[in-house]
Amino acid sequence: MKKNIISDFVKERRRAARLTQVELAAKAGVGLRFIRDLEQGKNSLRADTVNKVLFLFGKRLGPVDMDRD
């Protein structure tokens, strides 16, 4: 199974901030279903909406070098 770095990051940071999924959704201005999908590693999420959540933790999506092995 492929590791989803973004979902792990969001889940860990949310827990460290002692936020529930409901609270994180409200702070980011996204739906609870989106937070659940994000933390479960769903692959087809809108980048702009992911960035709304990441912004709360001082991060954003960007180009990353691929491992070609």
Protein backbone atom coordinates (compact mmCIF):
# COMPACT_ATOMS: atom_id res chain seq x y z
CA MET A 1 0.00 0.00 0.00
CA LYS A 2 1.33 3.42 -0.96
CA LYS A 3 1.88 5.88 1.88
CA ASN A 4 -0.05 9.15 1.60
CA ILE A 5 2.17 11.85 3.03
CA ILE A 6 -0.45 14.61 2.93
CA SER A 7 -3.12 12.59 4.72
CA ASP A 8 -0.64 11.53 7.41
CA PHE A 9 0.60 15.11 7.81
CA VAL A 10 -2.89 16.58 8.19
CA LYS A 11 -4.00 13.90 10.63
CA GLU A 12 -0.87 14.29 12.77
CA ARG A 13 -1.01 18.09 12.79
CA ARG A 14 -4.75 18.11 13.56
CA ARG A 15 -4.22 15.80 16.52
CA ALA A 16 -1.21 17.80 17.74
CA ALA A 17 -3.38 20.93 17.64
CA ARG A 18 -6.05 18.99 19.58
CA LEU A 19 -8.67 19.66 16.94
CA THR A 20 -11.50 17.37 15.97
CA GLN A 21 -12.22 16.81 12.30
CA VAL A 22 -15.30 19.02 12.71
CA GLU A 23 -13.22 21.84 14.19
CA LEU A 24 -10.57 21.58 11.47
CA ALA A 25 -13.23 21.66 8.77
CA ALA A 26 -14.76 24.81 10.28
CA LYS A 27 -11.40 26.57 10.64
CA ALA A 28 -10.42 25.74 7.05
CA GLY A 29 -13.84 26.56 5.60
CA VAL A 30 -14.31 23.11 4.10
CA GLY A 31 -16.80 20.33 4.70
CA LEU A 32 -16.38 17.55 7.23
CA ARG A 33 -16.60 14.98 4.42
CA PHE A 34 -13.61 16.64 2.74
CA ILE A 35 -11.51 16.35 5.92
CA ARG A 36 -12.46 12.70 6.27
CA ASP A 37 -11.58 12.00 2.62
CA LEU A 38 -8.30 13.88 2.96
CA GLU A 39 -7.26 12.00 6.11
CA GLN A 40 -8.19 8.69 4.50
CA GLY A 41 -5.91 9.44 1.54
CA LYS A 42 -8.49 9.84 -1.21
CA ASN A 43 -6.58 10.52 -4.43
CA SER A 44 -9.07 12.73 -6.26
CA LEU A 45 -9.33 15.85 -4.10
CA ARG A 46 -9.23 19.41 -5.39
CA ALA A 47 -5.81 20.99 -4.89
CA ASP A 48 -7.25 24.40 -4.00
CA THR A 49 -9.33 22.86 -1.23
CA VAL A 50 -6.39 20.81 0.07
CA ASN A 51 -4.46 24.07 0.23
CA LYS A 52 -7.16 25.63 2.43
CA VAL A 53 -6.45 22.94 5.02
CA LEU A 54 -2.66 23.01 4.60
CA PHE A 55 -2.66 26.81 4.97
CA LEU A 56 -3.70 26.42 8.61
CA PHE A 57 -0.43 24.56 9.21
CA GLY A 58 1.75 26.96 7.21
CA LYS A 59 2.02 24.67 4.17
CA ARG A 60 0.78 24.40 0.58
CA LEU A 61 0.95 21.95 -2.29
CA GLY A 62 3.76 22.37 -4.76
CA PRO A 63 5.92 20.57 -7.30
CA VAL A 64 7.92 17.69 -5.86
CA ASP A 65 10.58 15.60 -7.56
CA MET A 66 9.40 12.10 -8.42
CA ASP A 67 11.18 8.95 -7.38
CA ARG A 68 11.67 7.22 -10.72
CA ASP A 69 12.79 3.85 -9.29
